[in-house]
N, C-alpha and C. Protein backbone atom coordinates (compact mmCIF):
# COMPACT_ATOMS: atom_id res chain seq x y z
N MET A 1 76.71 -21.37 45.76
CA MET A 1 75.80 -20.80 44.78
C MET A 1 75.57 -21.76 43.63
N ARG A 2 76.66 -22.43 43.16
CA ARG A 2 76.52 -23.39 42.07
C ARG A 2 75.64 -24.57 42.47
N THR A 3 75.72 -24.96 43.74
CA THR A 3 74.87 -26.07 44.22
C THR A 3 73.42 -25.64 44.34
N PHE A 4 73.18 -24.40 44.70
CA PHE A 4 71.83 -23.91 44.92
C PHE A 4 71.02 -23.89 43.62
N VAL A 5 71.62 -23.55 42.48
CA VAL A 5 70.88 -23.45 41.22
C VAL A 5 70.29 -24.78 40.79
N PRO A 6 71.11 -25.90 40.76
CA PRO A 6 70.49 -27.19 40.41
C PRO A 6 69.40 -27.61 41.36
N LEU A 7 69.56 -27.34 42.68
CA LEU A 7 68.53 -27.71 43.64
C LEU A 7 67.24 -26.93 43.40
N ALA A 8 67.38 -25.64 43.05
CA ALA A 8 66.20 -24.84 42.77
C ALA A 8 65.47 -25.33 41.54
N VAL A 9 66.25 -25.71 40.50
CA VAL A 9 65.64 -26.25 39.28
C VAL A 9 64.91 -27.55 39.57
N ALA A 10 65.56 -28.44 40.36
CA ALA A 10 64.94 -29.71 40.71
C ALA A 10 63.67 -29.51 41.51
N ALA A 11 63.69 -28.57 42.45
CA ALA A 11 62.50 -28.31 43.26
C ALA A 11 61.36 -27.79 42.40
N THR A 12 61.69 -26.95 41.41
CA THR A 12 60.65 -26.42 40.52
C THR A 12 60.01 -27.53 39.70
N ILE A 13 60.85 -28.46 39.17
CA ILE A 13 60.32 -29.58 38.39
C ILE A 13 59.40 -30.46 39.22
N VAL A 14 59.82 -30.76 40.47
CA VAL A 14 59.00 -31.58 41.36
C VAL A 14 57.68 -30.89 41.67
N ALA A 15 57.74 -29.57 41.90
CA ALA A 15 56.52 -28.82 42.23
C ALA A 15 55.52 -28.83 41.08
N VAL A 16 56.02 -28.86 39.83
CA VAL A 16 55.14 -28.90 38.67
C VAL A 16 54.59 -30.29 38.42
N LEU A 17 55.44 -31.32 38.59
CA LEU A 17 55.04 -32.68 38.26
C LEU A 17 54.09 -33.29 39.29
N LEU A 18 54.27 -32.98 40.57
CA LEU A 18 53.44 -33.60 41.60
C LEU A 18 51.96 -33.27 41.43
N PRO A 19 51.54 -32.01 41.22
CA PRO A 19 50.10 -31.76 41.00
C PRO A 19 49.58 -32.46 39.76
N ALA A 20 50.42 -32.53 38.69
CA ALA A 20 49.97 -33.21 37.47
C ALA A 20 49.72 -34.67 37.72
N ARG A 21 50.60 -35.33 38.49
CA ARG A 21 50.39 -36.75 38.80
C ARG A 21 49.17 -36.93 39.67
N SER A 22 48.92 -35.96 40.59
CA SER A 22 47.74 -36.07 41.45
C SER A 22 46.46 -35.98 40.64
N VAL A 23 46.42 -35.05 39.65
CA VAL A 23 45.23 -34.93 38.81
C VAL A 23 45.02 -36.18 37.98
N ALA A 24 46.13 -36.75 37.44
CA ALA A 24 46.01 -37.98 36.65
C ALA A 24 45.51 -39.13 37.50
N ALA A 25 45.97 -39.22 38.76
CA ALA A 25 45.52 -40.30 39.65
C ALA A 25 44.04 -40.17 39.94
N GLN A 26 43.56 -38.92 40.14
CA GLN A 26 42.14 -38.72 40.40
C GLN A 26 41.30 -39.10 39.19
N ALA A 27 41.82 -38.79 37.99
CA ALA A 27 41.06 -39.13 36.78
C ALA A 27 40.98 -40.63 36.58
N SER A 28 42.03 -41.37 37.00
CA SER A 28 42.01 -42.82 36.82
C SER A 28 41.21 -43.53 37.89
N ASP A 29 40.89 -42.85 38.99
CA ASP A 29 40.13 -43.45 40.08
C ASP A 29 38.71 -42.92 40.03
N PRO A 30 37.70 -43.74 39.65
CA PRO A 30 36.34 -43.23 39.49
C PRO A 30 35.72 -42.76 40.79
N LEU A 31 36.19 -43.25 41.94
CA LEU A 31 35.60 -42.88 43.21
C LEU A 31 36.23 -41.62 43.79
N SER A 32 37.31 -41.12 43.19
CA SER A 32 37.98 -39.96 43.75
C SER A 32 37.41 -38.66 43.21
N SER A 33 36.68 -38.70 42.11
CA SER A 33 36.15 -37.48 41.52
C SER A 33 34.95 -36.99 42.31
N ALA A 34 34.99 -35.70 42.67
CA ALA A 34 33.89 -35.14 43.44
C ALA A 34 32.80 -34.57 42.55
N ALA A 35 33.10 -34.39 41.27
CA ALA A 35 32.12 -33.79 40.36
C ALA A 35 31.15 -34.85 39.86
N PRO A 36 29.86 -34.49 39.73
CA PRO A 36 28.90 -35.44 39.17
C PRO A 36 29.16 -35.66 37.70
N SER A 37 28.46 -36.63 37.12
CA SER A 37 28.63 -36.92 35.71
C SER A 37 28.30 -35.70 34.87
N SER A 38 29.09 -35.46 33.82
CA SER A 38 28.86 -34.31 32.95
C SER A 38 27.91 -34.61 31.81
N ARG A 39 27.42 -35.86 31.71
CA ARG A 39 26.51 -36.20 30.62
C ARG A 39 25.18 -35.46 30.82
N PRO A 40 24.68 -34.79 29.78
CA PRO A 40 23.44 -34.02 29.95
C PRO A 40 22.19 -34.89 30.08
N ILE A 41 22.23 -36.12 29.54
CA ILE A 41 21.09 -37.03 29.61
C ILE A 41 21.57 -38.38 30.13
N ARG A 42 20.90 -38.90 31.17
CA ARG A 42 21.25 -40.20 31.73
C ARG A 42 19.97 -41.04 31.86
N ILE A 43 20.15 -42.35 31.79
CA ILE A 43 19.02 -43.29 31.85
C ILE A 43 19.18 -44.18 33.07
N GLY A 44 18.10 -44.39 33.81
CA GLY A 44 18.14 -45.22 35.00
C GLY A 44 17.01 -46.25 35.00
N PHE A 45 17.22 -47.30 35.77
CA PHE A 45 16.19 -48.32 35.93
C PHE A 45 16.37 -48.96 37.30
N GLY A 46 15.29 -49.54 37.82
CA GLY A 46 15.36 -50.16 39.14
C GLY A 46 14.08 -50.89 39.46
N GLY A 47 14.02 -51.43 40.65
CA GLY A 47 12.85 -52.16 41.11
C GLY A 47 12.94 -52.40 42.60
N GLY A 48 11.85 -52.91 43.16
CA GLY A 48 11.83 -53.17 44.59
C GLY A 48 10.44 -53.50 45.06
N VAL A 49 10.15 -53.11 46.28
CA VAL A 49 8.86 -53.40 46.91
C VAL A 49 8.05 -52.11 47.03
N THR A 50 6.74 -52.28 47.04
CA THR A 50 5.82 -51.17 47.26
C THR A 50 5.02 -51.46 48.52
N VAL A 51 5.10 -50.54 49.47
CA VAL A 51 4.42 -50.70 50.75
C VAL A 51 3.24 -49.75 50.79
N PRO A 52 2.00 -50.22 50.76
CA PRO A 52 0.84 -49.33 50.79
C PRO A 52 0.55 -48.84 52.21
N ARG A 53 -0.15 -47.73 52.30
CA ARG A 53 -0.60 -47.24 53.60
C ARG A 53 -1.88 -47.97 53.97
N GLN A 54 -1.86 -48.67 55.09
CA GLN A 54 -3.02 -49.45 55.49
C GLN A 54 -4.18 -48.52 55.86
N GLY A 55 -5.38 -48.98 55.61
CA GLY A 55 -6.57 -48.22 55.96
C GLY A 55 -6.91 -47.11 54.99
N ALA A 56 -6.30 -47.12 53.78
CA ALA A 56 -6.58 -46.06 52.82
C ALA A 56 -7.99 -46.16 52.25
N SER A 57 -8.59 -47.33 52.31
CA SER A 57 -9.95 -47.51 51.80
C SER A 57 -10.55 -48.73 52.46
N ALA A 58 -11.71 -49.14 51.97
CA ALA A 58 -12.33 -50.36 52.50
C ALA A 58 -11.51 -51.59 52.15
N GLN A 59 -10.65 -51.46 51.14
CA GLN A 59 -9.81 -52.56 50.74
C GLN A 59 -8.47 -52.49 51.47
N THR A 60 -8.02 -53.62 51.97
CA THR A 60 -6.74 -53.69 52.65
C THR A 60 -5.67 -54.11 51.64
N LEU A 61 -4.76 -53.19 51.32
CA LEU A 61 -3.70 -53.48 50.36
C LEU A 61 -2.52 -54.15 51.05
N LYS A 62 -1.90 -55.08 50.33
CA LYS A 62 -0.71 -55.74 50.82
C LYS A 62 0.51 -55.27 50.03
N SER A 63 1.69 -55.48 50.59
CA SER A 63 2.90 -55.09 49.89
C SER A 63 3.02 -55.80 48.55
N GLY A 64 3.57 -55.11 47.56
CA GLY A 64 3.72 -55.68 46.23
C GLY A 64 5.08 -55.35 45.65
N MET A 65 5.23 -55.60 44.37
CA MET A 65 6.48 -55.36 43.67
C MET A 65 6.29 -54.24 42.65
N HIS A 66 7.39 -53.58 42.31
CA HIS A 66 7.31 -52.53 41.30
C HIS A 66 8.62 -52.43 40.54
N GLY A 67 8.55 -51.82 39.37
CA GLY A 67 9.72 -51.51 38.57
C GLY A 67 9.59 -50.11 38.01
N GLN A 68 10.71 -49.50 37.68
CA GLN A 68 10.67 -48.15 37.15
C GLN A 68 11.80 -47.92 36.16
N GLY A 69 11.56 -47.03 35.23
CA GLY A 69 12.59 -46.54 34.32
C GLY A 69 12.48 -45.03 34.26
N PHE A 70 13.58 -44.34 34.09
CA PHE A 70 13.52 -42.89 34.07
C PHE A 70 14.67 -42.31 33.24
N VAL A 71 14.48 -41.06 32.85
CA VAL A 71 15.49 -40.30 32.13
C VAL A 71 15.77 -39.03 32.93
N VAL A 72 17.05 -38.74 33.16
CA VAL A 72 17.46 -37.54 33.90
C VAL A 72 18.07 -36.55 32.92
N PHE A 73 17.55 -35.32 32.92
CA PHE A 73 18.06 -34.24 32.08
C PHE A 73 18.78 -33.24 32.98
N GLN A 74 20.10 -33.14 32.84
CA GLN A 74 20.87 -32.23 33.67
C GLN A 74 20.76 -30.81 33.12
N LEU A 75 20.25 -29.87 33.93
CA LEU A 75 20.09 -28.49 33.50
C LEU A 75 21.37 -27.71 33.73
N PRO A 76 21.59 -26.64 32.97
CA PRO A 76 22.83 -25.86 33.13
C PRO A 76 22.78 -24.96 34.36
N ALA A 77 23.92 -24.33 34.62
CA ALA A 77 24.04 -23.31 35.69
C ALA A 77 23.75 -23.87 37.07
N GLY A 78 24.00 -25.17 37.28
CA GLY A 78 23.82 -25.76 38.60
C GLY A 78 22.38 -25.94 39.04
N LEU A 79 21.43 -25.84 38.12
CA LEU A 79 20.03 -26.03 38.47
C LEU A 79 19.74 -27.50 38.76
N PRO A 80 18.71 -27.79 39.56
CA PRO A 80 18.34 -29.20 39.77
C PRO A 80 17.99 -29.89 38.47
N ALA A 81 18.24 -31.19 38.40
CA ALA A 81 17.97 -31.95 37.18
C ALA A 81 16.48 -32.25 37.05
N LEU A 82 16.03 -32.37 35.81
CA LEU A 82 14.68 -32.85 35.53
C LEU A 82 14.70 -34.38 35.44
N ARG A 83 13.69 -35.03 35.99
CA ARG A 83 13.61 -36.49 35.95
C ARG A 83 12.21 -36.91 35.52
N ALA A 84 12.14 -37.70 34.44
CA ALA A 84 10.87 -38.22 33.92
C ALA A 84 10.80 -39.71 34.22
N ASN A 85 9.81 -40.11 35.03
CA ASN A 85 9.67 -41.48 35.51
C ASN A 85 8.49 -42.20 34.87
N VAL A 86 8.66 -43.50 34.63
CA VAL A 86 7.55 -44.39 34.33
C VAL A 86 7.60 -45.52 35.35
N ASP A 87 6.51 -45.70 36.12
CA ASP A 87 6.46 -46.70 37.18
C ASP A 87 5.37 -47.72 36.90
N PHE A 88 5.65 -48.97 37.27
CA PHE A 88 4.65 -50.04 37.19
C PHE A 88 4.70 -50.80 38.50
N ALA A 89 3.53 -51.02 39.12
CA ALA A 89 3.47 -51.73 40.40
C ALA A 89 2.24 -52.61 40.42
N ARG A 90 2.34 -53.70 41.19
CA ARG A 90 1.20 -54.60 41.39
C ARG A 90 1.13 -54.99 42.86
N MET A 91 -0.08 -54.86 43.44
CA MET A 91 -0.29 -55.18 44.85
C MET A 91 -1.54 -56.04 44.99
N ARG A 92 -1.57 -56.87 46.01
CA ARG A 92 -2.77 -57.64 46.34
C ARG A 92 -3.66 -56.81 47.25
N PHE A 93 -4.98 -57.03 47.15
CA PHE A 93 -5.89 -56.38 48.08
C PHE A 93 -6.93 -57.38 48.56
N GLU A 94 -7.47 -57.08 49.72
CA GLU A 94 -8.54 -57.88 50.31
C GLU A 94 -9.64 -56.95 50.80
N THR A 95 -10.87 -57.27 50.46
CA THR A 95 -12.01 -56.57 51.02
C THR A 95 -12.57 -57.41 52.15
N PRO A 96 -12.56 -56.91 53.37
CA PRO A 96 -13.00 -57.74 54.50
C PRO A 96 -14.48 -58.12 54.39
N SER A 97 -14.79 -59.27 54.95
CA SER A 97 -16.18 -59.76 54.95
C SER A 97 -17.03 -58.93 55.91
N THR A 98 -18.29 -58.78 55.55
CA THR A 98 -19.25 -58.09 56.41
C THR A 98 -20.45 -59.00 56.63
N ALA A 99 -21.40 -58.52 57.40
CA ALA A 99 -22.58 -59.33 57.68
C ALA A 99 -23.41 -59.56 56.42
N SER A 100 -23.32 -58.64 55.45
CA SER A 100 -24.16 -58.76 54.26
C SER A 100 -23.40 -59.21 53.02
N ALA A 101 -22.08 -59.29 53.09
CA ALA A 101 -21.30 -59.65 51.90
C ALA A 101 -20.03 -60.37 52.32
N SER A 102 -19.59 -61.25 51.43
CA SER A 102 -18.36 -61.98 51.69
C SER A 102 -17.16 -61.18 51.18
N GLY A 103 -15.98 -61.49 51.69
CA GLY A 103 -14.78 -60.79 51.29
C GLY A 103 -14.39 -61.09 49.84
N VAL A 104 -13.66 -60.15 49.25
CA VAL A 104 -13.23 -60.27 47.86
C VAL A 104 -11.72 -60.03 47.80
N ASP A 105 -11.02 -60.87 47.03
CA ASP A 105 -9.58 -60.71 46.84
C ASP A 105 -9.31 -60.34 45.38
N GLY A 106 -8.18 -59.68 45.16
CA GLY A 106 -7.83 -59.31 43.80
C GLY A 106 -6.47 -58.66 43.73
N ASP A 107 -6.17 -58.06 42.59
CA ASP A 107 -4.90 -57.39 42.35
C ASP A 107 -5.15 -55.95 41.96
N ARG A 108 -4.29 -55.06 42.43
CA ARG A 108 -4.31 -53.66 42.00
C ARG A 108 -3.06 -53.39 41.19
N THR A 109 -3.23 -52.88 39.98
CA THR A 109 -2.11 -52.54 39.10
C THR A 109 -2.03 -51.02 38.98
N LEU A 110 -0.82 -50.50 39.11
CA LEU A 110 -0.59 -49.06 39.01
C LEU A 110 0.42 -48.78 37.91
N LEU A 111 0.08 -47.88 37.00
CA LEU A 111 0.98 -47.40 35.96
C LEU A 111 1.02 -45.89 36.05
N ALA A 112 2.21 -45.33 36.23
CA ALA A 112 2.33 -43.89 36.48
C ALA A 112 3.37 -43.26 35.58
N GLY A 113 3.10 -42.03 35.19
CA GLY A 113 4.07 -41.19 34.50
C GLY A 113 4.26 -39.92 35.31
N VAL A 114 5.48 -39.65 35.75
CA VAL A 114 5.75 -38.53 36.67
C VAL A 114 6.89 -37.68 36.12
N LEU A 115 6.72 -36.37 36.16
CA LEU A 115 7.78 -35.43 35.81
C LEU A 115 8.12 -34.62 37.04
N GLY A 116 9.39 -34.60 37.42
CA GLY A 116 9.77 -33.89 38.63
C GLY A 116 11.21 -33.41 38.60
N MET A 117 11.69 -33.00 39.79
CA MET A 117 13.03 -32.46 39.95
C MET A 117 13.86 -33.39 40.83
N LYS A 118 15.16 -33.45 40.55
CA LYS A 118 16.11 -34.20 41.37
C LYS A 118 17.19 -33.23 41.84
N LEU A 119 17.33 -33.10 43.16
CA LEU A 119 18.28 -32.15 43.75
C LEU A 119 19.33 -32.90 44.56
N ASP A 120 20.59 -32.84 44.12
CA ASP A 120 21.70 -33.44 44.87
C ASP A 120 22.05 -32.54 46.05
N LEU A 121 22.09 -33.10 47.25
CA LEU A 121 22.44 -32.33 48.44
C LEU A 121 23.94 -32.19 48.61
N LEU A 122 24.71 -33.16 48.10
CA LEU A 122 26.16 -33.12 48.14
C LEU A 122 26.69 -33.53 46.78
N HIS A 123 27.92 -33.11 46.46
CA HIS A 123 28.57 -33.49 45.21
C HIS A 123 29.82 -34.29 45.55
N GLY A 124 29.83 -35.53 45.14
CA GLY A 124 30.94 -36.42 45.44
C GLY A 124 30.61 -37.83 45.05
N PRO A 125 31.44 -38.80 45.42
CA PRO A 125 31.14 -40.20 45.06
C PRO A 125 29.90 -40.74 45.75
N VAL A 126 29.55 -40.20 46.92
CA VAL A 126 28.33 -40.57 47.63
C VAL A 126 27.46 -39.32 47.71
N ARG A 127 26.25 -39.38 47.10
CA ARG A 127 25.43 -38.19 46.98
C ARG A 127 24.00 -38.46 47.47
N PRO A 128 23.60 -37.90 48.59
CA PRO A 128 22.18 -37.92 48.96
C PRO A 128 21.41 -36.93 48.09
N TYR A 129 20.14 -37.24 47.81
CA TYR A 129 19.36 -36.37 46.95
C TYR A 129 17.89 -36.39 47.34
N LEU A 130 17.17 -35.38 46.86
CA LEU A 130 15.73 -35.25 47.08
C LEU A 130 15.02 -35.31 45.75
N LEU A 131 13.78 -35.82 45.77
CA LEU A 131 12.94 -35.93 44.58
C LEU A 131 11.58 -35.29 44.84
N GLY A 132 10.99 -34.73 43.80
CA GLY A 132 9.64 -34.21 43.92
C GLY A 132 9.04 -34.00 42.54
N GLY A 133 7.79 -34.39 42.36
CA GLY A 133 7.17 -34.22 41.06
C GLY A 133 5.68 -34.50 41.10
N VAL A 134 5.04 -34.31 39.95
CA VAL A 134 3.61 -34.57 39.80
C VAL A 134 3.42 -35.42 38.54
N GLY A 135 2.26 -36.10 38.48
CA GLY A 135 2.04 -36.93 37.32
C GLY A 135 0.65 -37.53 37.28
N ALA A 136 0.45 -38.44 36.32
CA ALA A 136 -0.81 -39.14 36.15
C ALA A 136 -0.63 -40.60 36.57
N PHE A 137 -1.62 -41.12 37.31
CA PHE A 137 -1.56 -42.47 37.86
C PHE A 137 -2.79 -43.24 37.39
N SER A 138 -2.55 -44.34 36.66
CA SER A 138 -3.63 -45.21 36.20
C SER A 138 -3.73 -46.40 37.15
N LEU A 139 -4.89 -46.56 37.78
CA LEU A 139 -5.13 -47.64 38.73
C LEU A 139 -6.18 -48.58 38.17
N GLU A 140 -5.91 -49.88 38.27
CA GLU A 140 -6.88 -50.88 37.83
C GLU A 140 -6.98 -51.98 38.87
N ASP A 141 -8.18 -52.25 39.32
CA ASP A 141 -8.45 -53.32 40.28
C ASP A 141 -9.13 -54.48 39.57
N ALA A 142 -8.56 -55.67 39.69
CA ALA A 142 -9.13 -56.87 39.08
C ALA A 142 -9.46 -57.87 40.18
N ILE A 143 -10.70 -58.33 40.23
CA ILE A 143 -11.16 -59.25 41.26
C ILE A 143 -10.86 -60.68 40.84
N ASP A 144 -10.36 -61.47 41.76
CA ASP A 144 -10.04 -62.87 41.48
C ASP A 144 -11.28 -63.63 41.02
N GLY A 145 -11.13 -64.41 39.94
CA GLY A 145 -12.22 -65.26 39.47
C GLY A 145 -13.29 -64.53 38.70
N ALA A 146 -13.13 -63.21 38.52
CA ALA A 146 -14.16 -62.45 37.81
C ALA A 146 -13.73 -62.23 36.37
N THR A 147 -14.69 -61.89 35.51
CA THR A 147 -14.38 -61.59 34.12
C THR A 147 -13.72 -60.22 34.02
N SER A 148 -13.21 -59.91 32.84
CA SER A 148 -12.55 -58.62 32.65
C SER A 148 -13.51 -57.45 32.85
N ASP A 149 -14.82 -57.69 32.65
CA ASP A 149 -15.80 -56.61 32.84
C ASP A 149 -15.87 -56.16 34.29
N ALA A 150 -15.41 -57.02 35.21
CA ALA A 150 -15.49 -56.66 36.62
C ALA A 150 -14.32 -55.79 37.07
N ALA A 151 -13.32 -55.61 36.22
CA ALA A 151 -12.17 -54.79 36.57
C ALA A 151 -12.58 -53.32 36.56
N ARG A 152 -12.07 -52.56 37.51
CA ARG A 152 -12.36 -51.14 37.61
C ARG A 152 -11.06 -50.37 37.42
N SER A 153 -11.07 -49.37 36.55
CA SER A 153 -9.87 -48.60 36.29
C SER A 153 -10.19 -47.12 36.35
N GLN A 154 -9.18 -46.32 36.69
CA GLN A 154 -9.34 -44.88 36.75
C GLN A 154 -7.96 -44.23 36.61
N VAL A 155 -7.94 -43.02 36.07
CA VAL A 155 -6.71 -42.24 35.94
C VAL A 155 -6.87 -40.98 36.77
N ASN A 156 -5.89 -40.72 37.67
CA ASN A 156 -5.99 -39.60 38.59
C ASN A 156 -4.67 -38.85 38.68
N PHE A 157 -4.77 -37.63 39.15
CA PHE A 157 -3.61 -36.80 39.44
C PHE A 157 -2.96 -37.27 40.74
N GLY A 158 -1.62 -37.15 40.83
CA GLY A 158 -0.94 -37.52 42.05
C GLY A 158 0.40 -36.83 42.19
N ILE A 159 0.97 -36.92 43.38
CA ILE A 159 2.30 -36.38 43.65
C ILE A 159 3.25 -37.51 43.98
N ASP A 160 4.53 -37.26 43.75
CA ASP A 160 5.57 -38.26 43.98
C ASP A 160 6.77 -37.52 44.57
N ALA A 161 7.16 -37.85 45.79
CA ALA A 161 8.28 -37.16 46.44
C ALA A 161 9.04 -38.14 47.31
N GLY A 162 10.33 -37.89 47.49
CA GLY A 162 11.11 -38.80 48.33
C GLY A 162 12.56 -38.38 48.41
N ALA A 163 13.38 -39.33 48.82
CA ALA A 163 14.81 -39.09 49.01
C ALA A 163 15.57 -40.36 48.68
N GLY A 164 16.85 -40.20 48.34
CA GLY A 164 17.65 -41.36 47.99
C GLY A 164 19.12 -41.12 48.24
N LEU A 165 19.91 -42.15 47.95
CA LEU A 165 21.36 -42.09 48.11
C LEU A 165 21.99 -42.75 46.89
N SER A 166 22.92 -42.04 46.25
CA SER A 166 23.57 -42.51 45.03
C SER A 166 25.05 -42.73 45.29
N LEU A 167 25.62 -43.81 44.72
CA LEU A 167 27.03 -44.17 44.90
C LEU A 167 27.68 -44.33 43.55
N ARG A 168 28.80 -43.63 43.33
CA ARG A 168 29.52 -43.72 42.07
C ARG A 168 30.25 -45.06 41.96
N LEU A 169 30.02 -45.77 40.86
CA LEU A 169 30.69 -47.04 40.56
C LEU A 169 31.25 -46.97 39.15
N GLY A 170 32.34 -46.25 38.98
CA GLY A 170 32.91 -46.07 37.65
C GLY A 170 31.96 -45.27 36.78
N PRO A 171 31.59 -45.77 35.60
CA PRO A 171 30.68 -45.03 34.73
C PRO A 171 29.22 -45.11 35.18
N LEU A 172 28.91 -45.95 36.17
CA LEU A 172 27.54 -46.13 36.64
C LEU A 172 27.35 -45.49 38.00
N ASP A 173 26.09 -45.22 38.33
CA ASP A 173 25.69 -44.85 39.68
C ASP A 173 24.72 -45.90 40.19
N ALA A 174 25.00 -46.45 41.37
CA ALA A 174 24.03 -47.31 42.04
C ALA A 174 23.24 -46.44 43.02
N PHE A 175 21.95 -46.74 43.18
CA PHE A 175 21.14 -45.90 44.06
C PHE A 175 20.12 -46.72 44.82
N VAL A 176 19.71 -46.18 45.95
CA VAL A 176 18.58 -46.69 46.71
C VAL A 176 17.74 -45.48 47.09
N GLU A 177 16.43 -45.59 46.94
CA GLU A 177 15.57 -44.45 47.25
C GLU A 177 14.22 -44.94 47.74
N SER A 178 13.55 -44.07 48.48
CA SER A 178 12.19 -44.33 48.95
C SER A 178 11.35 -43.10 48.62
N ARG A 179 10.15 -43.35 48.07
CA ARG A 179 9.29 -42.25 47.68
C ARG A 179 7.89 -42.42 48.28
N LEU A 180 7.19 -41.32 48.36
CA LEU A 180 5.78 -41.32 48.74
C LEU A 180 4.97 -40.98 47.50
N GLN A 181 4.07 -41.89 47.12
CA GLN A 181 3.16 -41.63 46.01
C GLN A 181 1.76 -41.45 46.57
N ASN A 182 1.19 -40.30 46.34
CA ASN A 182 -0.15 -40.01 46.84
C ASN A 182 -1.06 -39.69 45.66
N VAL A 183 -2.04 -40.55 45.43
CA VAL A 183 -2.94 -40.41 44.29
C VAL A 183 -4.27 -39.85 44.80
N TYR A 184 -4.68 -38.73 44.23
CA TYR A 184 -5.91 -38.06 44.67
C TYR A 184 -7.06 -38.52 43.79
N THR A 185 -7.91 -39.35 44.34
CA THR A 185 -9.03 -39.90 43.58
C THR A 185 -10.11 -38.84 43.41
N ARG A 186 -10.88 -38.95 42.34
CA ARG A 186 -11.93 -37.98 42.06
C ARG A 186 -13.02 -38.03 43.13
N GLN A 187 -13.25 -39.22 43.66
CA GLN A 187 -14.33 -39.37 44.62
C GLN A 187 -14.02 -38.66 45.95
N ARG A 188 -12.74 -38.60 46.33
CA ARG A 188 -12.40 -38.09 47.66
C ARG A 188 -11.79 -36.70 47.62
N GLY A 189 -11.40 -36.19 46.48
CA GLY A 189 -10.92 -34.83 46.42
C GLY A 189 -9.43 -34.72 46.63
N LEU A 190 -8.92 -33.50 46.44
CA LEU A 190 -7.49 -33.27 46.38
C LEU A 190 -6.80 -33.36 47.74
N VAL A 191 -7.44 -32.98 48.81
CA VAL A 191 -6.75 -32.88 50.10
C VAL A 191 -7.22 -33.93 51.09
N ASP A 192 -8.03 -34.86 50.68
CA ASP A 192 -8.53 -35.88 51.60
C ASP A 192 -7.39 -36.81 52.01
N THR A 193 -7.22 -37.06 53.31
CA THR A 193 -6.13 -37.90 53.80
C THR A 193 -6.35 -39.37 53.47
N LYS A 194 -7.52 -39.75 53.02
CA LYS A 194 -7.78 -41.15 52.68
C LYS A 194 -7.56 -41.44 51.20
N SER A 195 -6.82 -40.59 50.53
CA SER A 195 -6.44 -40.87 49.15
C SER A 195 -5.46 -42.04 49.13
N ILE A 196 -5.25 -42.59 47.95
CA ILE A 196 -4.43 -43.80 47.82
C ILE A 196 -2.96 -43.45 47.98
N THR A 197 -2.30 -44.07 48.92
CA THR A 197 -0.92 -43.75 49.24
C THR A 197 -0.07 -45.01 49.25
N ALA A 198 1.12 -44.93 48.66
CA ALA A 198 2.04 -46.06 48.64
C ALA A 198 3.47 -45.55 48.75
N PHE A 199 4.36 -46.44 49.23
CA PHE A 199 5.77 -46.10 49.43
C PHE A 199 6.64 -47.08 48.63
N PRO A 200 7.03 -46.74 47.41
CA PRO A 200 7.98 -47.60 46.68
C PRO A 200 9.38 -47.45 47.26
N VAL A 201 10.04 -48.58 47.50
CA VAL A 201 11.44 -48.62 47.92
C VAL A 201 12.22 -49.28 46.77
N THR A 202 13.15 -48.54 46.17
CA THR A 202 13.75 -48.93 44.90
C THR A 202 15.27 -49.05 44.99
N PHE A 203 15.81 -50.09 44.36
CA PHE A 203 17.25 -50.24 44.17
C PHE A 203 17.49 -50.28 42.66
N GLY A 204 18.56 -49.61 42.20
CA GLY A 204 18.80 -49.62 40.77
C GLY A 204 20.11 -48.98 40.36
N PHE A 205 20.22 -48.71 39.05
CA PHE A 205 21.45 -48.15 38.46
C PHE A 205 21.10 -47.03 37.50
N VAL A 206 22.01 -46.08 37.37
CA VAL A 206 21.89 -44.99 36.40
C VAL A 206 23.08 -45.07 35.47
N LEU A 207 22.83 -45.08 34.17
CA LEU A 207 23.87 -45.18 33.15
C LEU A 207 24.34 -43.80 32.73
């Protein structure tokens, strides 16, 4: 009986200390935490390539480069986060030659502001997520060798949706995502399949 009491006390101490050490180890290891960041506001930035949908118009668009910055607002009660994006992209275009006119080359610049939702499908160090939102897209086409008066610009409504994968790296998140941007031009209407479509593929970080 005298031997049993010290053993019981020792077992109780071990049972209390082991979970405490496990929690401390998880806190010191940034990749072991399954909970997302608790910061209500986070800032992200990234860049990559923009792949246009061929045949969207008489002009043949080529792949270009883009950059983006965004702010994520985490909503309470487990609701999806709000994400406000600013995107800038530049692509080359070619107008094919015809019997009555020669081909024209130039650059297309896109500046977009999009407000949407970000939904994490899993909670952990590796998190797949979905994106969806609407916004305004400013498009400007500048023809090579022409004066600034020859540039054509327009602002149109568009949608922005996609998916991505986020990886916890200590206080940062690294991410890769691909989105579909569909801009509905005034000339072709809201549901026309020949509206301007592009696929930004982005790599970046969230602070």
